[in-house]
N, C-alpha and C. Protein backbone atom coordinates (compact mmCIF):
# COMPACT_ATOMS: atom_id res chain seq x y z
N MET A 1 60.69 39.75 -17.57
CA MET A 1 59.52 40.60 -17.00
C MET A 1 58.05 40.24 -17.15
N THR A 2 57.33 40.16 -16.60
CA THR A 2 55.79 39.67 -16.48
C THR A 2 55.25 40.90 -15.98
N HIS A 3 54.23 41.39 -17.14
CA HIS A 3 53.47 42.50 -17.37
C HIS A 3 52.28 42.11 -16.58
N TYR A 4 51.14 42.89 -15.59
CA TYR A 4 50.17 42.78 -14.92
C TYR A 4 49.70 44.12 -14.90
N GLU A 5 48.25 43.77 -15.28
CA GLU A 5 47.40 44.74 -15.20
C GLU A 5 46.29 44.46 -13.98
N ILE A 6 46.35 45.59 -12.65
CA ILE A 6 45.56 45.09 -11.58
C ILE A 6 44.16 46.43 -11.83
N THR A 7 42.97 45.85 -11.61
CA THR A 7 41.86 46.63 -11.68
C THR A 7 41.47 46.53 -9.93
N TYR A 8 40.92 47.70 -9.60
CA TYR A 8 40.54 47.44 -8.15
C TYR A 8 39.37 48.48 -8.29
N ILE A 9 38.05 48.48 -7.62
CA ILE A 9 37.02 49.03 -7.13
C ILE A 9 36.92 49.42 -5.71
N ILE A 10 37.06 51.14 -5.81
CA ILE A 10 37.04 51.47 -4.34
C ILE A 10 35.94 51.95 -3.89
N LYS A 11 35.17 51.87 -3.12
CA LYS A 11 33.97 52.06 -2.11
C LYS A 11 33.90 53.88 -2.42
N PRO A 12 32.60 53.97 -3.39
CA PRO A 12 32.26 55.42 -3.59
C PRO A 12 32.35 56.29 -2.60
N ASP A 13 31.97 56.26 -1.49
CA ASP A 13 31.38 57.20 -0.40
C ASP A 13 32.93 57.55 0.40
N ILE A 14 34.05 56.89 0.03
CA ILE A 14 35.57 56.97 0.81
C ILE A 14 35.64 58.65 0.58
N GLU A 15 36.25 59.45 1.39
CA GLU A 15 36.80 60.67 1.48
C GLU A 15 38.12 60.82 0.29
N GLU A 16 38.09 61.91 -0.27
CA GLU A 16 39.25 62.09 -1.27
C GLU A 16 40.75 61.72 -0.59
N ASP A 17 40.99 62.19 0.71
CA ASP A 17 41.95 62.13 1.38
C ASP A 17 42.35 60.34 1.49
N ALA A 18 41.68 59.95 1.84
CA ALA A 18 41.61 58.39 2.05
C ALA A 18 41.78 57.66 0.95
N LYS A 19 41.09 58.23 0.19
CA LYS A 19 41.24 57.45 -1.46
C LYS A 19 42.82 57.32 -1.59
N LYS A 20 43.36 58.73 -1.58
CA LYS A 20 44.73 58.89 -1.97
C LYS A 20 45.58 58.09 -1.26
N THR A 21 45.17 58.21 0.27
CA THR A 21 46.05 57.41 1.07
C THR A 21 45.89 55.66 0.70
N LEU A 22 44.85 55.24 0.36
CA LEU A 22 44.57 53.69 -0.15
C LEU A 22 45.37 53.56 -1.34
N ILE A 23 45.39 54.52 -2.23
CA ILE A 23 46.02 54.10 -3.70
C ILE A 23 47.62 54.19 -3.29
N ASP A 24 48.07 55.04 -2.74
CA ASP A 24 49.46 55.32 -2.57
C ASP A 24 49.99 54.00 -1.48
N ARG A 25 49.45 53.39 -0.52
CA ARG A 25 49.47 52.63 0.21
C ARG A 25 50.14 51.11 -0.85
N TYR A 26 48.83 50.79 -1.67
CA TYR A 26 48.98 50.13 -2.45
C TYR A 26 49.88 49.74 -3.71
N ASP A 27 50.20 51.32 -4.08
CA ASP A 27 51.51 51.32 -5.18
C ASP A 27 52.60 51.37 -4.47
N LYS A 28 52.84 51.50 -3.07
CA LYS A 28 53.78 51.39 -2.27
C LYS A 28 54.56 49.75 -1.74
N ILE A 29 52.82 49.05 -1.55
CA ILE A 29 53.11 47.61 -1.66
C ILE A 29 53.49 47.00 -2.65
N LEU A 30 53.37 47.29 -3.91
CA LEU A 30 53.84 46.55 -5.02
C LEU A 30 55.34 47.13 -5.24
N LYS A 31 55.76 48.42 -5.19
CA LYS A 31 57.34 48.69 -5.05
C LYS A 31 58.37 48.23 -4.07
N ASP A 32 57.66 48.04 -2.94
CA ASP A 32 58.12 47.70 -1.87
C ASP A 32 58.47 45.87 -1.98
N ASN A 33 57.63 44.96 -2.68
CA ASN A 33 58.14 43.91 -2.99
C ASN A 33 58.75 43.50 -4.18
N GLY A 34 59.21 44.68 -4.76
CA GLY A 34 60.14 44.46 -6.65
C GLY A 34 59.37 44.67 -7.35
N ALA A 35 58.13 45.09 -7.35
CA ALA A 35 57.41 45.28 -8.69
C ALA A 35 58.03 46.80 -9.38
N ASP A 36 58.05 47.09 -10.61
CA ASP A 36 57.74 47.77 -11.09
C ASP A 36 56.66 48.63 -11.63
N VAL A 37 56.30 50.01 -10.75
CA VAL A 37 54.66 50.62 -11.03
C VAL A 37 54.81 51.22 -12.28
N ILE A 38 54.47 50.73 -13.27
CA ILE A 38 54.12 51.54 -14.71
C ILE A 38 53.51 52.80 -14.65
N ASP A 39 52.51 52.47 -14.42
CA ASP A 39 51.23 53.68 -14.14
C ASP A 39 50.39 53.51 -13.16
N SER A 40 49.70 54.40 -12.34
CA SER A 40 48.67 54.10 -11.44
C SER A 40 47.49 55.16 -11.79
N LYS A 41 46.16 55.01 -12.09
CA LYS A 41 45.66 55.95 -12.21
C LYS A 41 43.98 55.66 -12.05
N ASP A 42 43.55 56.42 -11.62
CA ASP A 42 41.89 56.51 -11.41
C ASP A 42 41.45 56.54 -12.91
N TRP A 43 40.37 55.66 -13.10
CA TRP A 43 39.76 55.03 -14.40
C TRP A 43 38.14 56.27 -14.33
N GLU A 44 37.22 55.77 -13.37
CA GLU A 44 36.25 56.96 -13.21
C GLU A 44 35.25 55.70 -12.12
N LYS A 45 34.20 56.87 -11.67
CA LYS A 45 33.17 56.42 -10.81
C LYS A 45 32.19 55.65 -11.88
N LYS A 46 31.86 54.60 -11.86
CA LYS A 46 30.73 53.74 -12.44
C LYS A 46 29.57 52.76 -11.76
N ARG A 47 28.38 52.90 -12.49
CA ARG A 47 27.73 52.01 -11.81
C ARG A 47 27.96 50.51 -11.93
N LEU A 48 27.53 49.95 -10.90
CA LEU A 48 28.10 48.47 -10.93
C LEU A 48 27.00 47.69 -11.69
N ALA A 49 27.70 46.32 -12.23
CA ALA A 49 26.84 45.58 -12.80
C ALA A 49 25.35 45.15 -12.01
N TYR A 50 26.23 44.97 -10.64
CA TYR A 50 25.21 44.02 -9.38
C TYR A 50 25.36 44.81 -8.31
N GLU A 51 24.87 44.70 -7.26
CA GLU A 51 25.04 45.43 -5.93
C GLU A 51 26.26 44.72 -5.02
N ILE A 52 27.66 45.24 -4.57
CA ILE A 52 28.53 44.79 -3.93
C ILE A 52 28.72 45.18 -2.60
N ALA A 53 28.06 44.36 -1.59
CA ALA A 53 28.10 45.27 -0.22
C ALA A 53 27.12 46.32 0.00
N ASN A 54 26.17 46.29 -0.61
CA ASN A 54 24.98 47.33 -0.94
C ASN A 54 25.73 48.80 -1.72
N TYR A 55 26.59 48.39 -2.13
CA TYR A 55 27.01 49.41 -3.11
C TYR A 55 26.70 49.36 -4.73
N LYS A 56 25.97 50.50 -5.42
CA LYS A 56 25.92 50.12 -6.53
C LYS A 56 26.61 51.03 -7.43
N GLU A 57 27.78 51.85 -7.09
CA GLU A 57 28.83 52.15 -7.96
C GLU A 57 30.21 52.40 -7.13
N GLY A 58 31.02 52.50 -7.77
CA GLY A 58 32.50 52.23 -7.04
C GLY A 58 33.09 52.74 -7.96
N ILE A 59 34.45 53.25 -7.39
CA ILE A 59 35.45 54.02 -8.10
C ILE A 59 36.80 53.00 -8.72
N TYR A 60 36.71 53.09 -10.02
CA TYR A 60 37.78 51.87 -10.72
C TYR A 60 39.48 52.45 -10.91
N HIS A 61 40.30 51.61 -10.25
CA HIS A 61 41.32 51.97 -10.47
C HIS A 61 42.26 51.25 -11.13
N ILE A 62 43.30 51.59 -11.99
CA ILE A 62 44.04 50.72 -12.65
C ILE A 62 45.50 50.91 -12.66
N ILE A 63 46.18 49.91 -12.10
CA ILE A 63 47.83 49.86 -12.32
C ILE A 63 48.24 48.82 -13.24
N ASN A 64 49.28 49.28 -13.91
CA ASN A 64 50.37 48.51 -14.87
C ASN A 64 51.40 48.27 -13.98
N VAL A 65 52.05 46.87 -14.20
CA VAL A 65 52.92 46.60 -12.85
C VAL A 65 53.87 45.65 -13.66
N ASN A 66 55.36 45.83 -13.91
CA ASN A 66 56.33 44.77 -14.34
C ASN A 66 56.99 44.19 -13.20
N THR A 67 57.27 42.90 -13.14
CA THR A 67 57.56 42.29 -12.05
C THR A 67 58.36 41.01 -12.77
N ASN A 68 59.54 40.72 -11.93
CA ASN A 68 60.45 39.26 -12.00
C ASN A 68 59.81 38.21 -11.18
N ASP A 69 59.08 38.25 -10.45
CA ASP A 69 58.77 37.96 -8.86
C ASP A 69 57.56 38.05 -8.54
N ASP A 70 56.78 37.03 -8.26
CA ASP A 70 55.16 37.22 -7.97
C ASP A 70 54.83 37.85 -6.60
N ALA A 71 55.85 37.99 -5.57
CA ALA A 71 55.67 38.52 -4.36
C ALA A 71 54.84 39.54 -4.39
N ALA A 72 55.09 40.41 -5.12
CA ALA A 72 54.29 41.80 -5.06
C ALA A 72 53.24 41.65 -5.48
N ILE A 73 52.54 40.98 -6.57
CA ILE A 73 51.40 40.88 -6.66
C ILE A 73 50.55 39.24 -5.52
N ASN A 74 51.63 38.85 -5.02
CA ASN A 74 50.59 37.77 -4.08
C ASN A 74 50.55 38.73 -2.86
N GLU A 75 50.97 39.50 -2.25
CA GLU A 75 51.14 40.36 -1.21
C GLU A 75 49.97 41.31 -1.36
N PHE A 76 49.97 42.14 -3.01
CA PHE A 76 48.79 43.06 -3.13
C PHE A 76 47.54 42.54 -3.01
N ASP A 77 47.18 40.90 -3.66
CA ASP A 77 46.19 40.07 -3.63
C ASP A 77 45.62 39.85 -2.34
N ARG A 78 46.93 39.51 -1.11
CA ARG A 78 46.36 38.88 0.13
C ARG A 78 45.90 40.47 0.64
N LEU A 79 46.18 41.41 0.95
CA LEU A 79 45.74 42.69 1.43
C LEU A 79 44.65 43.04 1.06
N SER A 80 44.79 43.18 -0.30
CA SER A 80 43.52 44.04 -0.67
C SER A 80 42.16 42.72 -0.73
N LYS A 81 42.52 41.84 -0.34
CA LYS A 81 40.78 40.72 0.21
C LYS A 81 40.71 41.38 1.67
N ILE A 82 41.63 41.85 2.33
CA ILE A 82 40.99 42.20 3.92
C ILE A 82 40.77 43.51 3.98
N ASP A 83 40.78 44.43 3.02
CA ASP A 83 40.77 45.98 3.03
C ASP A 83 39.36 46.52 3.18
N ASP A 84 38.63 46.72 3.81
CA ASP A 84 37.23 47.04 3.94
C ASP A 84 36.56 48.16 2.89
N ASN A 85 37.81 49.31 2.21
CA ASN A 85 37.51 49.90 1.59
C ASN A 85 37.64 49.69 0.04
N MET A 86 38.03 48.26 -0.16
CA MET A 86 38.13 47.93 -1.67
C MET A 86 36.92 47.06 -2.08
N LEU A 87 36.15 47.30 -2.68
CA LEU A 87 34.90 46.35 -3.06
C LEU A 87 35.66 44.90 -3.97
N ARG A 88 36.09 45.18 -4.83
CA ARG A 88 36.66 43.83 -5.44
C ARG A 88 38.33 44.41 -6.30
N HIS A 89 39.18 43.29 -6.65
CA HIS A 89 40.06 43.30 -7.74
C HIS A 89 40.22 42.45 -8.60
N MET A 90 41.09 42.69 -9.40
CA MET A 90 41.25 41.76 -10.27
C MET A 90 42.40 41.89 -10.93
N ILE A 91 43.41 40.93 -11.29
CA ILE A 91 44.75 40.59 -11.30
C ILE A 91 45.00 39.81 -12.75
N ILE A 92 45.59 40.94 -13.83
CA ILE A 92 45.71 40.17 -15.26
C ILE A 92 46.93 39.97 -15.36
N LYS A 93 47.23 38.78 -15.84
CA LYS A 93 48.55 38.49 -16.35
C LYS A 93 48.49 38.81 -18.10
N ARG A 94 49.48 40.01 -18.41
CA ARG A 94 49.30 40.56 -19.96
C ARG A 94 50.14 39.49 -20.82
N GLU A 95 50.17 39.29 -21.76
CA GLU A 95 50.92 39.04 -22.79
C GLU A 95 51.22 39.84 -23.71
N ASP A 96 52.36 40.84 -23.59
CA ASP A 96 52.54 41.58 -24.36
C ASP A 96 53.89 41.53 -25.14
């Protein structure tokens, strides 16, 4: 099993219901592609070091995932690149 940590930044002006839907959608994408989601939690709204798409703040969300296959990670990466509500994402392979 390979352990990944995924951090992504959501637009700060998103409605609470839309934010929950977005988080549930990406958790489901990972699960449906064979990954085991250990935890998925909001970090906090933070000021960005530099503006991204005219936003100075963003809502950080962190997911810890275990998987044997990179299909789930690749699908998350592909879909998050085209999602307008996600400002940035970062996927880190952890050596635990």
